[in-house]
Amino acid sequence: MKRITFLIPAAVLAVAVLLSSIFVVDERQRALVLQFGQIRQVIEEPGLNFKIPFIQEVVFYDDRILSLDTAPIEVTPSDDRRLVVDAFARYRIVDVVQFRQAVGVGDIRRAEQLLEDILNPQIRAVLGADGVTSNTILSADRAALMVRITAQARALAEPLGLEVLDVRLKQTALPAQNLDATFARMRAEREREATDERARGNEAAQRVRAQADRTVVELVSEAQREAEITRGEADAQRNRIFAEAFGQDPEFFEFYRSMTAYERALRQQNSTMVISPDSEFFEYLGGSGVRP
């Protein structure tokens, strides 16, 4: 009975020691076996592995591509138009031994701080270089700028055991204090363009109105000319008819003309006349109604 009581704790201890000596590295990881803080083994292949229990420890590192979003920073291109830029980077741990020696026990958080300290100065240096303006940064040419930032950051990150795969500018904007001035300048520019458009429209409208007035004058003059011609032709035809009628019966024509003169002279609003009694005007107003 005492032997069984002794064997059970021993078996439990043996199982615990065995379990503490076994560790598994999966395909997404690489591992370092440390003994009193010193690197004893680098494990880069997935599978089951062993360590000395209670003396050695295992530190795992992600073997996948990692991402880092940098904090927004302010840059000043060559045209002195300040911009706020934030970027993101893709990187991976390529040398776990070098990474451990450079970063220490800080692990990924410390590595990201060091990597951000590399990225931000490179972003400022590339975007603030001669010939790089805000328009360049905001245009399709920014792709070449990102390639330059990636190449420079990759060279500086190698001592950390990191490989910078890509750096991208995520957002580019104006500082808050510059937005109002920029909006005011844009508003003034749009108002100037609107004023120019209105002025050109008024000029075009005046040209159209002047052309229309000229056309009206020309049409009215032409119509009046044609009316005068028609009126003259009508008067000539009337006179011709009168002449023909007078030629056929001069006495009747003269009588008709006298009656017409009486009608016009003795209208209601002009019925009083002062004229000599023996005037020829009363030729047909005699008692007999016949010329003497």
Protein backbone atom coordinates (compact mmCIF):
# COMPACT_ATOMS: atom_id res chain seq x y z
CA MET A 1 0.00 0.00 0.00
CA LYS A 2 2.84 2.34 0.84
CA ARG A 3 4.52 1.43 -2.44
CA ILE A 4 1.40 2.35 -4.41
CA THR A 5 1.12 5.62 -2.52
CA PHE A 6 4.69 6.45 -3.51
CA LEU A 7 4.34 5.41 -7.15
CA ILE A 8 1.33 7.60 -7.87
CA PRO A 9 3.05 10.94 -7.08
CA ALA A 10 6.17 9.74 -8.90
CA ALA A 11 4.13 8.90 -11.98
CA VAL A 12 2.36 12.24 -11.86
CA LEU A 13 5.71 14.01 -11.56
CA ALA A 14 7.13 12.00 -14.43
CA VAL A 15 4.17 12.89 -16.64
CA ALA A 16 4.52 16.53 -15.69
CA VAL A 17 8.22 16.50 -16.50
CA LEU A 18 7.55 14.76 -19.80
CA LEU A 19 4.84 17.20 -20.76
CA SER A 20 6.97 20.20 -19.82
CA SER A 21 9.74 18.91 -22.05
CA ILE A 22 7.53 18.60 -25.13
CA PHE A 23 6.46 21.51 -27.29
CA VAL A 24 4.93 21.82 -30.76
CA VAL A 25 5.86 24.33 -33.46
CA ASP A 26 3.15 24.71 -36.11
CA GLU A 27 3.60 25.83 -39.70
CA ARG A 28 2.86 29.48 -38.86
CA GLN A 29 5.68 29.75 -36.32
CA ARG A 30 9.37 29.56 -35.66
CA ALA A 31 10.85 29.08 -32.22
CA LEU A 32 13.94 29.72 -30.12
CA VAL A 33 14.97 27.46 -27.26
CA LEU A 34 16.54 29.59 -24.54
CA GLN A 35 18.58 28.48 -21.57
CA PHE A 36 19.15 31.13 -18.94
CA GLY A 37 18.46 33.74 -21.59
CA GLN A 38 20.92 32.32 -24.08
CA ILE A 39 19.86 30.86 -27.42
CA ARG A 40 20.45 27.13 -27.54
CA GLN A 41 18.40 26.05 -30.53
CA VAL A 42 16.60 27.57 -33.53
CA ILE A 43 13.59 25.64 -34.74
CA GLU A 44 12.29 26.66 -38.16
CA GLU A 45 10.43 23.49 -39.16
CA PRO A 46 6.99 22.62 -37.78
CA GLY A 47 6.61 19.55 -35.64
CA LEU A 48 7.10 18.01 -32.20
CA ASN A 49 10.23 19.05 -30.28
CA PHE A 50 11.82 18.58 -26.86
CA LYS A 51 13.56 20.81 -24.32
CA ILE A 52 15.06 20.40 -20.90
CA PRO A 53 12.21 21.00 -18.47
CA PHE A 54 12.44 23.80 -15.97
CA ILE A 55 15.81 24.87 -17.36
CA GLN A 56 15.02 25.75 -20.95
CA GLU A 57 12.18 27.87 -22.25
CA VAL A 58 10.70 28.28 -25.73
CA VAL A 59 9.89 31.61 -27.39
CA PHE A 60 7.61 31.49 -30.45
CA TYR A 61 7.68 34.00 -33.31
CA ASP A 62 5.09 34.49 -36.02
CA ASP A 63 6.38 33.41 -39.42
CA ARG A 64 3.53 35.05 -41.34
CA ILE A 65 3.44 38.47 -43.02
CA LEU A 66 2.59 41.07 -40.38
CA SER A 67 1.15 44.57 -40.74
CA LEU A 68 1.90 47.83 -39.00
CA ASP A 69 -0.22 51.01 -39.16
CA THR A 70 1.89 54.07 -38.41
CA ALA A 71 0.63 57.09 -36.53
CA PRO A 72 -0.18 60.15 -38.69
CA ILE A 73 2.79 62.44 -39.20
CA GLU A 74 3.14 65.86 -40.79
CA VAL A 75 5.37 66.27 -43.85
CA THR A 76 6.40 69.35 -45.81
CA PRO A 77 6.91 68.84 -49.57
CA SER A 78 9.09 71.15 -51.63
CA ASP A 79 6.15 73.49 -52.34
CA ASP A 80 5.79 74.14 -48.56
CA ARG A 81 2.22 72.86 -48.53
CA ARG A 82 2.09 70.80 -45.36
CA LEU A 83 0.33 67.45 -45.42
CA VAL A 84 -0.67 64.91 -42.79
CA VAL A 85 0.25 61.39 -43.89
CA ASP A 86 -0.34 58.01 -42.31
CA ALA A 87 1.00 54.80 -43.78
CA PHE A 88 0.96 51.07 -43.27
CA ALA A 89 3.72 48.53 -43.79
CA ARG A 90 3.87 44.79 -44.46
CA TYR A 91 6.82 42.98 -42.95
CA ARG A 92 7.96 39.62 -41.67
CA ILE A 93 10.58 38.18 -39.29
CA VAL A 94 13.27 36.57 -41.44
CA ASP A 95 16.00 35.98 -38.80
CA VAL A 96 14.68 35.04 -35.38
CA VAL A 97 18.14 35.03 -33.79
CA GLN A 98 18.94 38.52 -35.02
CA PHE A 99 15.42 39.63 -34.11
CA ARG A 100 15.85 38.32 -30.53
CA GLN A 101 19.19 40.01 -30.15
CA ALA A 102 17.92 43.34 -31.48
CA VAL A 103 14.54 43.44 -29.79
CA GLY A 104 15.19 41.47 -26.60
CA VAL A 105 12.24 40.38 -24.54
CA GLY A 106 10.01 43.18 -25.93
CA ASP A 107 8.73 40.88 -28.68
CA ILE A 108 6.45 42.27 -31.45
CA ARG A 109 5.36 45.45 -29.66
CA ARG A 110 8.94 46.57 -29.23
CA ALA A 111 9.75 45.56 -32.82
CA GLU A 112 6.86 47.64 -34.16
CA GLN A 113 8.06 50.66 -32.19
CA LEU A 114 11.53 50.28 -33.68
CA LEU A 115 10.11 49.75 -37.17
CA GLU A 116 7.90 52.84 -36.88
CA ASP A 117 10.96 54.83 -35.82
CA ILE A 118 12.52 53.72 -39.10
CA LEU A 119 9.48 54.34 -41.31
CA ASN A 120 8.53 57.84 -40.17
CA PRO A 121 11.91 59.49 -40.91
CA GLN A 122 12.05 57.76 -44.30
CA ILE A 123 8.54 58.98 -45.17
CA ARG A 124 9.53 62.54 -44.22
CA ALA A 125 12.80 62.30 -46.15
CA VAL A 126 11.26 60.97 -49.37
CA LEU A 127 8.15 63.17 -49.37
CA GLY A 128 10.21 66.25 -48.45
CA ALA A 129 12.89 65.71 -51.09
CA ASP A 130 13.60 68.30 -53.79
CA GLY A 131 11.17 68.10 -56.67
CA VAL A 132 8.47 66.32 -54.65
CA THR A 133 5.43 68.57 -54.39
CA SER A 134 2.03 68.04 -52.83
CA ASN A 135 0.62 67.45 -56.31
CA THR A 136 3.17 64.67 -56.83
CA ILE A 137 2.13 63.02 -53.57
CA LEU A 138 -1.55 63.27 -54.47
CA SER A 139 -1.11 61.99 -58.03
CA ALA A 140 -0.29 58.61 -59.55
CA ASP A 141 3.42 59.42 -59.07
CA ARG A 142 3.06 58.53 -55.40
CA ALA A 143 3.59 54.87 -56.35
CA ALA A 144 7.25 55.62 -57.17
CA LEU A 145 7.59 57.46 -53.86
CA MET A 146 6.27 54.44 -51.96
CA VAL A 147 8.80 52.21 -53.72
CA ARG A 148 11.60 54.52 -52.56
CA ILE A 149 10.31 54.52 -48.99
CA THR A 150 10.08 50.71 -49.03
CA ALA A 151 13.64 50.29 -50.32
CA GLN A 152 15.15 52.64 -47.74
CA ALA A 153 13.14 51.18 -44.86
CA ARG A 154 14.06 47.62 -45.91
CA ALA A 155 17.78 48.41 -45.71
CA LEU A 156 17.44 49.96 -42.25
CA ALA A 157 15.23 47.14 -40.91
CA GLU A 158 17.66 44.32 -41.82
CA PRO A 159 19.69 44.66 -38.57
CA LEU A 160 16.45 43.96 -36.67
CA GLY A 161 16.00 40.64 -38.47
CA LEU A 162 12.98 42.09 -40.30
CA GLU A 163 12.18 42.29 -43.99
CA VAL A 164 9.99 45.20 -45.03
CA LEU A 165 7.89 43.93 -47.91
CA ASP A 166 5.82 46.98 -48.74
CA VAL A 167 5.03 50.47 -47.48
CA ARG A 168 1.85 52.24 -48.58
CA LEU A 169 0.52 55.72 -47.96
CA LYS A 170 -2.91 55.09 -46.53
CA GLN A 171 -4.23 58.64 -46.28
CA THR A 172 -2.95 62.07 -47.26
CA ALA A 173 -4.75 65.18 -46.00
CA LEU A 174 -4.20 68.78 -45.07
CA PRO A 175 -3.65 69.76 -41.43
CA ALA A 176 -6.79 70.90 -39.66
CA GLN A 177 -5.55 74.49 -39.35
CA ASN A 178 -5.02 74.69 -43.12
CA LEU A 179 -8.40 73.32 -44.15
CA ASP A 180 -10.32 76.58 -43.65
CA ALA A 181 -7.77 78.55 -45.66
CA THR A 182 -7.77 75.92 -48.39
CA PHE A 183 -11.57 75.85 -48.55
CA ALA A 184 -11.66 79.66 -48.68
CA ARG A 185 -9.15 79.68 -51.52
CA MET A 186 -11.13 77.03 -53.39
CA ARG A 187 -14.35 78.97 -52.80
CA ALA A 188 -12.76 82.19 -54.09
CA GLU A 189 -11.45 80.38 -57.15
CA ARG A 190 -14.90 78.93 -57.90
CA GLU A 191 -16.54 82.33 -57.42
CA ARG A 192 -13.99 83.89 -59.80
CA GLU A 193 -14.75 81.23 -62.39
CA ALA A 194 -18.49 81.79 -61.92
CA THR A 195 -18.02 85.56 -62.36
CA ASP A 196 -16.03 84.97 -65.55
CA GLU A 197 -18.73 82.64 -66.85
CA ARG A 198 -21.45 85.19 -66.09
CA ALA A 199 -19.45 87.95 -67.79
CA ARG A 200 -18.96 85.79 -70.88
CA GLY A 201 -22.67 84.94 -70.83
CA ASN A 202 -23.65 88.62 -70.59
CA GLU A 203 -21.30 89.46 -73.45
CA ALA A 204 -22.80 86.71 -75.59
CA ALA A 205 -26.31 87.87 -74.67
CA GLN A 206 -25.49 91.45 -75.68
CA ARG A 207 -24.16 90.23 -79.01
CA VAL A 208 -27.34 88.23 -79.57
CA ARG A 209 -29.55 91.19 -78.61
CA ALA A 210 -27.58 93.56 -80.84
CA GLN A 211 -27.87 91.15 -83.75
CA ALA A 212 -31.59 90.75 -83.07
CA ASP A 213 -32.10 94.55 -82.92
CA ARG A 214 -30.20 94.95 -86.17
CA THR A 215 -32.29 92.23 -87.77
CA VAL A 216 -35.48 93.94 -86.54
CA VAL A 217 -34.38 97.30 -87.99
CA GLU A 218 -33.48 95.67 -91.28
CA LEU A 219 -36.78 93.78 -91.46
CA VAL A 220 -38.84 96.87 -90.54
CA SER A 221 -36.96 99.01 -93.08
CA GLU A 222 -37.42 96.40 -95.76
CA ALA A 223 -41.11 96.09 -94.90
CA GLN A 224 -41.59 99.87 -94.96
CA ARG A 225 -39.77 100.09 -98.29
CA GLU A 226 -41.95 97.38 -99.76
CA ALA A 227 -45.04 99.07 -98.26
CA GLU A 228 -44.09 102.39 -99.82
CA ILE A 229 -43.52 100.67 -103.15
CA THR A 230 -46.89 98.93 -102.88
CA ARG A 231 -48.58 102.15 -101.79
CA GLY A 232 -47.00 104.03 -104.68
CA GLU A 233 -48.07 101.37 -107.13
CA ALA A 234 -51.60 101.48 -105.67
CA ASP A 235 -51.72 105.28 -105.93
CA ALA A 236 -50.50 105.09 -109.50
CA GLN A 237 -53.13 102.50 -110.31
CA ARG A 238 -55.80 104.60 -108.60
CA ASN A 239 -54.76 107.69 -110.52
CA ARG A 240 -54.75 105.69 -113.72
CA ILE A 241 -58.28 104.47 -113.01
CA PHE A 242 -59.35 108.04 -112.19
CA ALA A 243 -57.76 109.27 -115.36
CA GLU A 244 -59.48 106.60 -117.42
CA ALA A 245 -62.82 107.39 -115.73
CA PHE A 246 -62.30 111.11 -116.29
CA GLY A 247 -61.55 110.46 -119.92
CA GLN A 248 -64.75 108.48 -120.39
CA ASP A 249 -67.08 111.05 -118.75
CA PRO A 250 -65.36 114.22 -117.60
CA GLU A 251 -68.53 115.89 -116.38
CA PHE A 252 -69.60 112.96 -114.21
CA PHE A 253 -66.08 112.57 -112.86
CA GLU A 254 -65.98 116.23 -111.91
CA PHE A 255 -69.40 115.87 -110.25
CA TYR A 256 -68.14 112.83 -108.31
CA ARG A 257 -65.05 114.67 -107.16
CA SER A 258 -67.18 117.60 -105.99
CA MET A 259 -69.50 115.32 -104.02
CA THR A 260 -66.48 113.72 -102.39
CA ALA A 261 -65.14 117.17 -101.49
CA TYR A 262 -68.54 118.12 -99.96
CA GLU A 263 -68.56 114.92 -97.90
CA ARG A 264 -65.11 115.57 -96.52
CA ALA A 265 -65.71 119.27 -95.92
CA LEU A 266 -69.14 119.01 -94.30
CA ARG A 267 -68.50 116.34 -91.69
CA GLN A 268 -70.13 116.62 -88.29
CA GLN A 269 -67.04 117.94 -86.53
CA ASN A 270 -66.34 120.48 -89.30
CA SER A 271 -69.80 121.67 -90.52
CA THR A 272 -69.10 125.42 -90.49
CA MET A 273 -67.42 127.01 -93.48
CA VAL A 274 -66.63 130.60 -94.39
CA ILE A 275 -66.49 130.92 -98.15
CA SER A 276 -67.59 133.32 -100.87
CA PRO A 277 -71.12 132.59 -102.17
CA ASP A 278 -69.99 132.75 -105.75
CA SER A 279 -67.14 130.32 -105.18
CA GLU A 280 -66.79 127.41 -107.56
CA PHE A 281 -67.02 125.15 -104.54
CA PHE A 282 -70.83 125.62 -104.58
CA GLU A 283 -71.03 124.84 -108.24
CA TYR A 284 -73.19 121.77 -107.71
CA LEU A 285 -75.17 123.21 -104.78
CA GLY A 286 -77.27 125.50 -106.96
CA GLY A 287 -80.97 125.21 -107.29
CA SER A 288 -80.92 123.22 -110.50
CA GLY A 289 -77.98 121.05 -109.51
CA VAL A 290 -76.50 121.64 -112.97
CA ARG A 291 -73.40 123.57 -113.80
CA PRO A 292 -74.22 126.98 -115.32
